[in-house]
Amino acid sequence: MFVITLRFADKTKAPSLMDGHNARIKRGFDDGVFLLVGSLQPNAGGMILAHDTSHAELETRVQDDPFVAHGVVSAEILQVTPARTDDRLTFLKA
């Protein structure tokens, strides 16, 4: 499982790249890799919870996001090995 943080670096470019960024997010959900996307508060960027992928594949996916490629955000990928989960999330331990 992975947690990706996307912290704003240059918000001025965001509006022109938003459609491409949203398309990349949609693709992550469509591919079954992204489980959750949300905003870092207060207005600091975003966060993605991902699974069922390798670090290398996720790195490529993140670098292809227009927000990352054009410096709107800086991305950090954190790999997490779940030790205990609620029963509804046991699939994350696989």
PDB file of N, CA and C in Angstrom:
ATOM      1  N   MET A   1       0.858  -1.160   0.000  1.00  0.00           N
ATOM      2  CA  MET A   1       0.000   0.000   0.000  1.00  0.00           C
ATOM      3  C   MET A   1       0.905   1.224   0.000  1.00  0.00           C
ATOM      4  N   PHE A   2       0.422   2.286  -0.612  1.00  0.00           N
ATOM      5  CA  PHE A   2       1.208   3.509  -0.730  1.00  0.00           C
ATOM      6  C   PHE A   2       0.355   4.726  -0.374  1.00  0.00           C
ATOM      7  N   VAL A   3       1.002   5.701   0.222  1.00  0.00           N
ATOM      8  CA  VAL A   3       0.411   7.013   0.441  1.00  0.00           C
ATOM      9  C   VAL A   3       1.258   7.992  -0.363  1.00  0.00           C
ATOM     10  N   ILE A   4       0.611   8.744  -1.229  1.00  0.00           N
ATOM     11  CA  ILE A   4       1.301   9.748  -2.036  1.00  0.00           C
ATOM     12  C   ILE A   4       0.842  11.119  -1.567  1.00  0.00           C
ATOM     13  N   THR A   5       1.787  11.955  -1.207  1.00  0.00           N
ATOM     14  CA  THR A   5       1.443  13.339  -0.881  1.00  0.00           C
ATOM     15  C   THR A   5       1.841  14.221  -2.052  1.00  0.00           C
ATOM     16  N   LEU A   6       0.976  15.164  -2.373  1.00  0.00           N
ATOM     17  CA  LEU A   6       1.202  16.121  -3.454  1.00  0.00           C
ATOM     18  C   LEU A   6       1.094  17.515  -2.829  1.00  0.00           C
ATOM     19  N   ARG A   7       2.230  18.104  -2.506  1.00  0.00           N
ATOM     20  CA  ARG A   7       2.247  19.405  -1.828  1.00  0.00           C
ATOM     21  C   ARG A   7       2.462  20.510  -2.858  1.00  0.00           C
ATOM     22  N   PHE A   8       1.611  21.535  -2.761  1.00  0.00           N
ATOM     23  CA  PHE A   8       1.704  22.635  -3.717  1.00  0.00           C
ATOM     24  C   PHE A   8       3.086  23.277  -3.708  1.00  0.00           C
ATOM     25  N   ALA A   9       3.596  23.522  -4.910  1.00  0.00           N
ATOM     26  CA  ALA A   9       4.840  24.250  -5.106  1.00  0.00           C
ATOM     27  C   ALA A   9       4.579  25.535  -5.883  1.00  0.00           C
ATOM     28  N   ASP A  10       3.700  25.466  -6.912  1.00  0.00           N
ATOM     29  CA  ASP A  10       3.381  26.623  -7.753  1.00  0.00           C
ATOM     30  C   ASP A  10       1.929  26.530  -8.206  1.00  0.00           C
ATOM     31  N   LYS A  11       1.035  27.062  -7.400  1.00  0.00           N
ATOM     32  CA  LYS A  11      -0.403  26.967  -7.684  1.00  0.00           C
ATOM     33  C   LYS A  11      -0.825  27.747  -8.924  1.00  0.00           C
ATOM     34  N   THR A  12      -0.008  28.689  -9.379  1.00  0.00           N
ATOM     35  CA  THR A  12      -0.410  29.543 -10.504  1.00  0.00           C
ATOM     36  C   THR A  12      -0.635  28.738 -11.780  1.00  0.00           C
ATOM     37  N   LYS A  13       0.061  27.608 -11.924  1.00  0.00           N
ATOM     38  CA  LYS A  13      -0.076  26.773 -13.129  1.00  0.00           C
ATOM     39  C   LYS A  13      -1.237  25.788 -13.045  1.00  0.00           C
ATOM     40  N   ALA A  14      -1.820  25.623 -11.865  1.00  0.00           N
ATOM     41  CA  ALA A  14      -2.823  24.586 -11.640  1.00  0.00           C
ATOM     42  C   ALA A  14      -4.046  24.687 -12.555  1.00  0.00           C
ATOM     43  N   PRO A  15      -4.651  25.871 -12.718  1.00  0.00           N
ATOM     44  CA  PRO A  15      -5.879  25.912 -13.534  1.00  0.00           C
ATOM     45  C   PRO A  15      -5.700  25.381 -14.956  1.00  0.00           C
ATOM     46  N   SER A  16      -4.594  25.691 -15.592  1.00  0.00           N
ATOM     47  CA  SER A  16      -4.402  25.258 -16.980  1.00  0.00           C
ATOM     48  C   SER A  16      -4.099  23.760 -17.097  1.00  0.00           C
ATOM     49  N   LEU A  17      -3.725  23.121 -15.987  1.00  0.00           N
ATOM     50  CA  LEU A  17      -3.363  21.706 -16.006  1.00  0.00           C
ATOM     51  C   LEU A  17      -4.390  20.814 -15.300  1.00  0.00           C
ATOM     52  N   MET A  18      -5.463  21.430 -14.794  1.00  0.00           N
ATOM     53  CA  MET A  18      -6.439  20.694 -13.979  1.00  0.00           C
ATOM     54  C   MET A  18      -7.109  19.549 -14.741  1.00  0.00           C
ATOM     55  N   ASP A  19      -7.495  19.750 -15.990  1.00  0.00           N
ATOM     56  CA  ASP A  19      -8.151  18.685 -16.749  1.00  0.00           C
ATOM     57  C   ASP A  19      -7.243  17.466 -16.888  1.00  0.00           C
ATOM     58  N   GLY A  20      -5.991  17.692 -17.199  1.00  0.00           N
ATOM     59  CA  GLY A  20      -5.043  16.585 -17.325  1.00  0.00           C
ATOM     60  C   GLY A  20      -4.798  15.889 -16.002  1.00  0.00           C
ATOM     61  N   HIS A  21      -4.700  16.661 -14.933  1.00  0.00           N
ATOM     62  CA  HIS A  21      -4.521  16.097 -13.595  1.00  0.00           C
ATOM     63  C   HIS A  21      -5.731  15.231 -13.229  1.00  0.00           C
ATOM     64  N   ASN A  22      -6.934  15.749 -13.440  1.00  0.00           N
ATOM     65  CA  ASN A  22      -8.144  14.986 -13.119  1.00  0.00           C
ATOM     66  C   ASN A  22      -8.259  13.724 -13.965  1.00  0.00           C
ATOM     67  N   ALA A  23      -7.806  13.782 -15.209  1.00  0.00           N
ATOM     68  CA  ALA A  23      -7.819  12.593 -16.071  1.00  0.00           C
ATOM     69  C   ALA A  23      -6.876  11.524 -15.526  1.00  0.00           C
ATOM     70  N   ARG A  24      -5.724  11.930 -15.006  1.00  0.00           N
ATOM     71  CA  ARG A  24      -4.767  10.976 -14.427  1.00  0.00           C
ATOM     72  C   ARG A  24      -5.333  10.353 -13.158  1.00  0.00           C
ATOM     73  N   ILE A  25      -6.030  11.156 -12.354  1.00  0.00           N
ATOM     74  CA  ILE A  25      -6.669  10.634 -11.148  1.00  0.00           C
ATOM     75  C   ILE A  25      -7.747   9.608 -11.539  1.00  0.00           C
ATOM     76  N   LYS A  26      -8.568   9.959 -12.520  1.00  0.00           N
ATOM     77  CA  LYS A  26      -9.620   9.045 -12.979  1.00  0.00           C
ATOM     78  C   LYS A  26      -9.016   7.738 -13.471  1.00  0.00           C
ATOM     79  N   ARG A  27      -7.930   7.831 -14.208  1.00  0.00           N
ATOM     80  CA  ARG A  27      -7.287   6.619 -14.719  1.00  0.00           C
ATOM     81  C   ARG A  27      -6.802   5.738 -13.567  1.00  0.00           C
ATOM     82  N   GLY A  28      -6.268   6.351 -12.518  1.00  0.00           N
ATOM     83  CA  GLY A  28      -5.828   5.582 -11.354  1.00  0.00           C
ATOM     84  C   GLY A  28      -6.962   4.793 -10.726  1.00  0.00           C
ATOM     85  N   PHE A  29      -8.155   5.424 -10.642  1.00  0.00           N
ATOM     86  CA  PHE A  29      -9.332   4.712 -10.135  1.00  0.00           C
ATOM     87  C   PHE A  29      -9.790   3.645 -11.124  1.00  0.00           C
ATOM     88  N   ASP A  30      -9.839   3.991 -12.394  1.00  0.00           N
ATOM     89  CA  ASP A  30     -10.276   3.035 -13.415  1.00  0.00           C
ATOM     90  C   ASP A  30      -9.379   1.799 -13.453  1.00  0.00           C
ATOM     91  N   ASP A  31      -8.083   1.997 -13.221  1.00  0.00           N
ATOM     92  CA  ASP A  31      -7.121   0.893 -13.224  1.00  0.00           C
ATOM     93  C   ASP A  31      -7.154   0.081 -11.932  1.00  0.00           C
ATOM     94  N   GLY A  32      -7.910   0.550 -10.934  1.00  0.00           N
ATOM     95  CA  GLY A  32      -8.001  -0.166  -9.665  1.00  0.00           C
ATOM     96  C   GLY A  32      -6.819   0.062  -8.736  1.00  0.00           C
ATOM     97  N   VAL A  33      -6.000   1.070  -9.025  1.00  0.00           N
ATOM     98  CA  VAL A  33      -4.822   1.349  -8.212  1.00  0.00           C
ATOM     99  C   VAL A  33      -5.141   2.355  -7.110  1.00  0.00           C
ATOM    100  N   PHE A  34      -5.895   3.386  -7.404  1.00  0.00           N
ATOM    101  CA  PHE A  34      -6.226   4.411  -6.412  1.00  0.00           C
ATOM    102  C   PHE A  34      -7.463   3.993  -5.622  1.00  0.00           C
ATOM    103  N   LEU A  35      -7.387   4.136  -4.314  1.00  0.00           N
ATOM    104  CA  LEU A  35      -8.494   3.820  -3.420  1.00  0.00           C
ATOM    105  C   LEU A  35      -9.165   5.067  -2.860  1.00  0.00           C
ATOM    106  N   LEU A  36      -8.401   6.130  -2.701  1.00  0.00           N
ATOM    107  CA  LEU A  36      -8.896   7.342  -2.072  1.00  0.00           C
ATOM    108  C   LEU A  36      -8.039   8.514  -2.528  1.00  0.00           C
ATOM    109  N   VAL A  37      -8.686   9.620  -2.799  1.00  0.00           N
ATOM    110  CA  VAL A  37      -7.992  10.866  -3.123  1.00  0.00           C
ATOM    111  C   VAL A  37      -8.630  11.946  -2.274  1.00  0.00           C
ATOM    112  N   GLY A  38      -7.811  12.817  -1.715  1.00  0.00           N
ATOM    113  CA  GLY A  38      -8.353  13.893  -0.901  1.00  0.00           C
ATOM    114  C   GLY A  38      -7.431  15.083  -0.858  1.00  0.00           C
ATOM    115  N   SER A  39      -7.900  16.141  -0.231  1.00  0.00           N
ATOM    116  CA  SER A  39      -7.136  17.383  -0.125  1.00  0.00           C
ATOM    117  C   SER A  39      -6.395  17.452   1.203  1.00  0.00           C
ATOM    118  N   LEU A  40      -5.159  17.918   1.156  1.00  0.00           N
ATOM    119  CA  LEU A  40      -4.414  18.214   2.377  1.00  0.00           C
ATOM    120  C   LEU A  40      -4.860  19.583   2.855  1.00  0.00           C
ATOM    121  N   GLN A  41      -5.150  19.692   4.118  1.00  0.00           N
ATOM    122  CA  GLN A  41      -5.673  20.942   4.671  1.00  0.00           C
ATOM    123  C   GLN A  41      -4.599  21.681   5.469  1.00  0.00           C
ATOM    124  N   PRO A  42      -4.662  22.966   5.476  1.00  0.00           N
ATOM    125  CA  PRO A  42      -5.574  23.842   4.736  1.00  0.00           C
ATOM    126  C   PRO A  42      -4.993  24.193   3.369  1.00  0.00           C
ATOM    127  N   ASN A  43      -5.637  23.742   2.318  1.00  0.00           N
ATOM    128  CA  ASN A  43      -5.278  24.070   0.931  1.00  0.00           C
ATOM    129  C   ASN A  43      -3.782  23.875   0.653  1.00  0.00           C
ATOM    130  N   ALA A  44      -3.243  22.734   1.124  1.00  0.00           N
ATOM    131  CA  ALA A  44      -1.806  22.485   1.007  1.00  0.00           C
ATOM    132  C   ALA A  44      -1.446  21.551  -0.142  1.00  0.00           C
ATOM    133  N   GLY A  45      -2.456  20.926  -0.765  1.00  0.00           N
ATOM    134  CA  GLY A  45      -2.189  19.990  -1.843  1.00  0.00           C
ATOM    135  C   GLY A  45      -3.142  18.825  -1.772  1.00  0.00           C
ATOM    136  N   GLY A  46      -2.640  17.627  -2.093  1.00  0.00           N
ATOM    137  CA  GLY A  46      -3.498  16.466  -2.116  1.00  0.00           C
ATOM    138  C   GLY A  46      -2.807  15.221  -1.605  1.00  0.00           C
ATOM    139  N   MET A  47      -3.605  14.148  -1.457  1.00  0.00           N
ATOM    140  CA  MET A  47      -3.119  12.873  -0.976  1.00  0.00           C
ATOM    141  C   MET A  47      -3.850  11.776  -1.732  1.00  0.00           C
ATOM    142  N   ILE A  48      -3.112  10.714  -2.041  1.00  0.00           N
ATOM    143  CA  ILE A  48      -3.680   9.565  -2.738  1.00  0.00           C
ATOM    144  C   ILE A  48      -3.306   8.313  -1.958  1.00  0.00           C
ATOM    145  N   LEU A  49      -4.268   7.421  -1.766  1.00  0.00           N
ATOM    146  CA  LEU A  49      -4.019   6.106  -1.204  1.00  0.00           C
ATOM    147  C   LEU A  49      -4.072   5.120  -2.361  1.00  0.00           C
ATOM    148  N   ALA A  50      -3.002   4.354  -2.544  1.00  0.00           N
ATOM    149  CA  ALA A  50      -2.901   3.443  -3.683  1.00  0.00           C
ATOM    150  C   ALA A  50      -2.505   2.047  -3.205  1.00  0.00           C
ATOM    151  N   HIS A  51      -2.860   1.050  -4.007  1.00  0.00           N
ATOM    152  CA  HIS A  51      -2.486  -0.324  -3.688  1.00  0.00           C
ATOM    153  C   HIS A  51      -2.434  -1.139  -4.972  1.00  0.00           C
ATOM    154  N   ASP A  52      -2.002  -2.393  -4.827  1.00  0.00           N
ATOM    155  CA  ASP A  52      -1.993  -3.341  -5.934  1.00  0.00           C
ATOM    156  C   ASP A  52      -1.143  -2.857  -7.106  1.00  0.00           C
ATOM    157  N   THR A  53       0.037  -2.317  -6.782  1.00  0.00           N
ATOM    158  CA  THR A  53       0.983  -1.842  -7.779  1.00  0.00           C
ATOM    159  C   THR A  53       2.378  -1.906  -7.177  1.00  0.00           C
ATOM    160  N   SER A  54       3.394  -1.771  -7.989  1.00  0.00           N
ATOM    161  CA  SER A  54       4.767  -1.719  -7.476  1.00  0.00           C
ATOM    162  C   SER A  54       5.183  -0.264  -7.292  1.00  0.00           C
ATOM    163  N   HIS A  55       6.231  -0.071  -6.515  1.00  0.00           N
ATOM    164  CA  HIS A  55       6.743   1.289  -6.307  1.00  0.00           C
ATOM    165  C   HIS A  55       7.172   1.893  -7.646  1.00  0.00           C
ATOM    166  N   ALA A  56       7.843   1.107  -8.476  1.00  0.00           N
ATOM    167  CA  ALA A  56       8.314   1.618  -9.771  1.00  0.00           C
ATOM    168  C   ALA A  56       7.141   2.019 -10.676  1.00  0.00           C
ATOM    169  N   GLU A  57       6.104   1.190 -10.728  1.00  0.00           N
ATOM    170  CA  GLU A  57       4.930   1.525 -11.546  1.00  0.00           C
ATOM    171  C   GLU A  57       4.227   2.767 -11.020  1.00  0.00           C
ATOM    172  N   LEU A  58       4.151   2.878  -9.698  1.00  0.00           N
ATOM    173  CA  LEU A  58       3.498   4.040  -9.100  1.00  0.00           C
ATOM    174  C   LEU A  58       4.314   5.302  -9.345  1.00  0.00           C
ATOM    175  N   GLU A  59       5.622   5.193  -9.277  1.00  0.00           N
ATOM    176  CA  GLU A  59       6.491   6.340  -9.556  1.00  0.00           C
ATOM    177  C   GLU A  59       6.253   6.852 -10.975  1.00  0.00           C
ATOM    178  N   THR A  60       6.147   5.953 -11.934  1.00  0.00           N
ATOM    179  CA  THR A  60       5.870   6.348 -13.312  1.00  0.00           C
ATOM    180  C   THR A  60       4.515   7.024 -13.415  1.00  0.00           C
ATOM    181  N   ARG A  61       3.512   6.446 -12.765  1.00  0.00           N
ATOM    182  CA  ARG A  61       2.164   7.009 -12.787  1.00  0.00           C
ATOM    183  C   ARG A  61       2.161   8.422 -12.195  1.00  0.00           C
ATOM    184  N   VAL A  62       2.850   8.603 -11.088  1.00  0.00           N
ATOM    185  CA  VAL A  62       2.893   9.913 -10.425  1.00  0.00           C
ATOM    186  C   VAL A  62       3.639  10.925 -11.288  1.00  0.00           C
ATOM    187  N   GLN A  63       4.763  10.533 -11.855  1.00  0.00           N
ATOM    188  CA  GLN A  63       5.551  11.461 -12.672  1.00  0.00           C
ATOM    189  C   GLN A  63       4.813  11.877 -13.945  1.00  0.00           C
ATOM    190  N   ASP A  64       3.890  11.045 -14.423  1.00  0.00           N
ATOM    191  CA  ASP A  64       3.103  11.369 -15.616  1.00  0.00           C
ATOM    192  C   ASP A  64       1.964  12.343 -15.342  1.00  0.00           C
ATOM    193  N   ASP A  65       1.661  12.591 -14.078  1.00  0.00           N
ATOM    194  CA  ASP A  65       0.613  13.555 -13.729  1.00  0.00           C
ATOM    195  C   ASP A  65       1.101  14.953 -14.122  1.00  0.00           C
ATOM    196  N   PRO A  66       0.319  15.709 -14.881  1.00  0.00           N
ATOM    197  CA  PRO A  66       0.748  17.048 -15.289  1.00  0.00           C
ATOM    198  C   PRO A  66       1.095  17.969 -14.123  1.00  0.00           C
ATOM    199  N   PHE A  67       0.425  17.817 -12.998  1.00  0.00           N
ATOM    200  CA  PHE A  67       0.761  18.642 -11.830  1.00  0.00           C
ATOM    201  C   PHE A  67       2.189  18.383 -11.364  1.00  0.00           C
ATOM    202  N   VAL A  68       2.622  17.142 -11.411  1.00  0.00           N
ATOM    203  CA  VAL A  68       3.985  16.790 -11.002  1.00  0.00           C
ATOM    204  C   VAL A  68       4.963  17.191 -12.099  1.00  0.00           C
ATOM    205  N   ALA A  69       4.654  16.822 -13.332  1.00  0.00           N
ATOM    206  CA  ALA A  69       5.550  17.086 -14.462  1.00  0.00           C
ATOM    207  C   ALA A  69       5.835  18.574 -14.653  1.00  0.00           C
ATOM    208  N   HIS A  70       4.866  19.436 -14.313  1.00  0.00           N
ATOM    209  CA  HIS A  70       5.024  20.873 -14.526  1.00  0.00           C
ATOM    210  C   HIS A  70       5.264  21.658 -13.237  1.00  0.00           C
ATOM    211  N   GLY A  71       5.574  20.968 -12.141  1.00  0.00           N
ATOM    212  CA  GLY A  71       5.977  21.638 -10.916  1.00  0.00           C
ATOM    213  C   GLY A  71       4.874  22.311 -10.121  1.00  0.00           C
ATOM    214  N   VAL A  72       3.614  21.960 -10.384  1.00  0.00           N
ATOM    215  CA  VAL A  72       2.517  22.501  -9.569  1.00  0.00           C
ATOM    216  C   VAL A  72       2.615  21.933  -8.157  1.00  0.00           C
ATOM    217  N   VAL A  73       2.959  20.652  -8.060  1.00  0.00           N
ATOM    218  CA  VAL A  73       3.121  19.990  -6.769  1.00  0.00           C
ATOM    219  C   VAL A  73       4.443  19.236  -6.734  1.00  0.00           C
ATOM    220  N   SER A  74       4.925  19.006  -5.531  1.00  0.00           N
ATOM    221  CA  SER A  74       6.026  18.070  -5.339  1.00  0.00           C
ATOM    222  C   SER A  74       5.414  16.808  -4.741  1.00  0.00           C
ATOM    223  N   ALA A  75       5.827  15.668  -5.249  1.00  0.00           N
ATOM    224  CA  ALA A  75       5.233  14.396  -4.843  1.00  0.00           C
ATOM    225  C   ALA A  75       6.189  13.605  -3.971  1.00  0.00           C
ATOM    226  N   GLU A  76       5.613  12.938  -2.982  1.00  0.00           N
ATOM    227  CA  GLU A  76       6.365  11.998  -2.151  1.00  0.00           C
ATOM    228  C   GLU A  76       5.546  10.716  -2.061  1.00  0.00           C
ATOM    229  N   ILE A  77       6.200   9.588  -2.312  1.00  0.00           N
ATOM    230  CA  ILE A  77       5.544   8.289  -2.237  1.00  0.00           C
ATOM    231  C   ILE A  77       6.063   7.571  -1.002  1.00  0.00           C
ATOM    232  N   LEU A  78       5.147   7.234  -0.114  1.00  0.00           N
ATOM    233  CA  LEU A  78       5.474   6.506   1.105  1.00  0.00           C
ATOM    234  C   LEU A  78       4.886   5.109   1.003  1.00  0.00           C
ATOM    235  N   GLN A  79       5.726   4.084   1.166  1.00  0.00           N
ATOM    236  CA  GLN A  79       5.231   2.713   1.139  1.00  0.00           C
ATOM    237  C   GLN A  79       4.890   2.296   2.565  1.00  0.00           C
ATOM    238  N   VAL A  80       3.713   1.717   2.736  1.00  0.00           N
ATOM    239  CA  VAL A  80       3.218   1.313   4.043  1.00  0.00           C
ATOM    240  C   VAL A  80       2.921  -0.180   4.012  1.00  0.00           C
ATOM    241  N   THR A  81       3.384  -0.903   5.031  1.00  0.00           N
ATOM    242  CA  THR A  81       3.045  -2.311   5.180  1.00  0.00           C
ATOM    243  C   THR A  81       2.026  -2.411   6.306  1.00  0.00           C
ATOM    244  N   PRO A  82       0.750  -2.596   5.968  1.00  0.00           N
ATOM    245  CA  PRO A  82      -0.277  -2.666   7.003  1.00  0.00           C
ATOM    246  C   PRO A  82      -0.042  -3.851   7.938  1.00  0.00           C
ATOM    247  N   ALA A  83      -0.121  -3.591   9.237  1.00  0.00           N
ATOM    248  CA  ALA A  83       0.040  -4.644  10.238  1.00  0.00           C
ATOM    249  C   ALA A  83      -1.307  -5.059  10.819  1.00  0.00           C
ATOM    250  N   ARG A  84      -2.182  -4.086  11.043  1.00  0.00           N
ATOM    251  CA  ARG A  84      -3.522  -4.358  11.559  1.00  0.00           C
ATOM    252  C   ARG A  84      -4.508  -3.508  10.779  1.00  0.00           C
ATOM    253  N   THR A  85      -5.646  -4.094  10.472  1.00  0.00           N
ATOM    254  CA  THR A  85      -6.670  -3.357   9.740  1.00  0.00           C
ATOM    255  C   THR A  85      -8.044  -3.694  10.302  1.00  0.00           C
ATOM    256  N   ASP A  86      -8.964  -2.818  10.052  1.00  0.00           N
ATOM    257  CA  ASP A  86     -10.373  -3.118  10.254  1.00  0.00           C
ATOM    258  C   ASP A  86     -10.720  -4.227   9.261  1.00  0.00           C
ATOM    259  N   ASP A  87     -11.677  -5.068   9.604  1.00  0.00           N
ATOM    260  CA  ASP A  87     -12.047  -6.185   8.728  1.00  0.00           C
ATOM    261  C   ASP A  87     -12.406  -5.734   7.315  1.00  0.00           C
ATOM    262  N   ARG A  88     -12.919  -4.529   7.173  1.00  0.00           N
ATOM    263  CA  ARG A  88     -13.303  -4.037   5.848  1.00  0.00           C
ATOM    264  C   ARG A  88     -12.091  -3.739   4.974  1.00  0.00           C
ATOM    265  N   LEU A  89     -10.910  -3.677   5.574  1.00  0.00           N
ATOM    266  CA  LEU A  89      -9.702  -3.313   4.827  1.00  0.00           C
ATOM    267  C   LEU A  89      -8.679  -4.443   4.757  1.00  0.00           C
ATOM    268  N   THR A  90      -9.060  -5.659   5.043  1.00  0.00           N
ATOM    269  CA  THR A  90      -8.107  -6.753   5.045  1.00  0.00           C
ATOM    270  C   THR A  90      -7.449  -6.973   3.679  1.00  0.00           C
ATOM    271  N   PHE A  91      -8.127  -6.572   2.611  1.00  0.00           N
ATOM    272  CA  PHE A  91      -7.526  -6.718   1.275  1.00  0.00           C
ATOM    273  C   PHE A  91      -6.221  -5.932   1.143  1.00  0.00           C
ATOM    274  N   LEU A  92      -6.005  -4.927   1.993  1.00  0.00           N
ATOM    275  CA  LEU A  92      -4.764  -4.143   1.932  1.00  0.00           C
ATOM    276  C   LEU A  92      -3.562  -4.920   2.450  1.00  0.00           C
ATOM    277  N   LYS A  93      -3.795  -5.953   3.214  1.00  0.00           N
ATOM    278  CA  LYS A  93      -2.702  -6.743   3.768  1.00  0.00           C
ATOM    279  C   LYS A  93      -2.210  -7.821   2.812  1.00  0.00           C
ATOM    280  N   ALA A  94      -2.910  -8.020   1.718  1.00  0.00           N
ATOM    281  CA  ALA A  94      -2.541  -9.079   0.762  1.00  0.00           C
ATOM    282  C   ALA A  94      -1.290  -8.721  -0.003  1.00  0.00           C
TER     283      ALA A  94
END
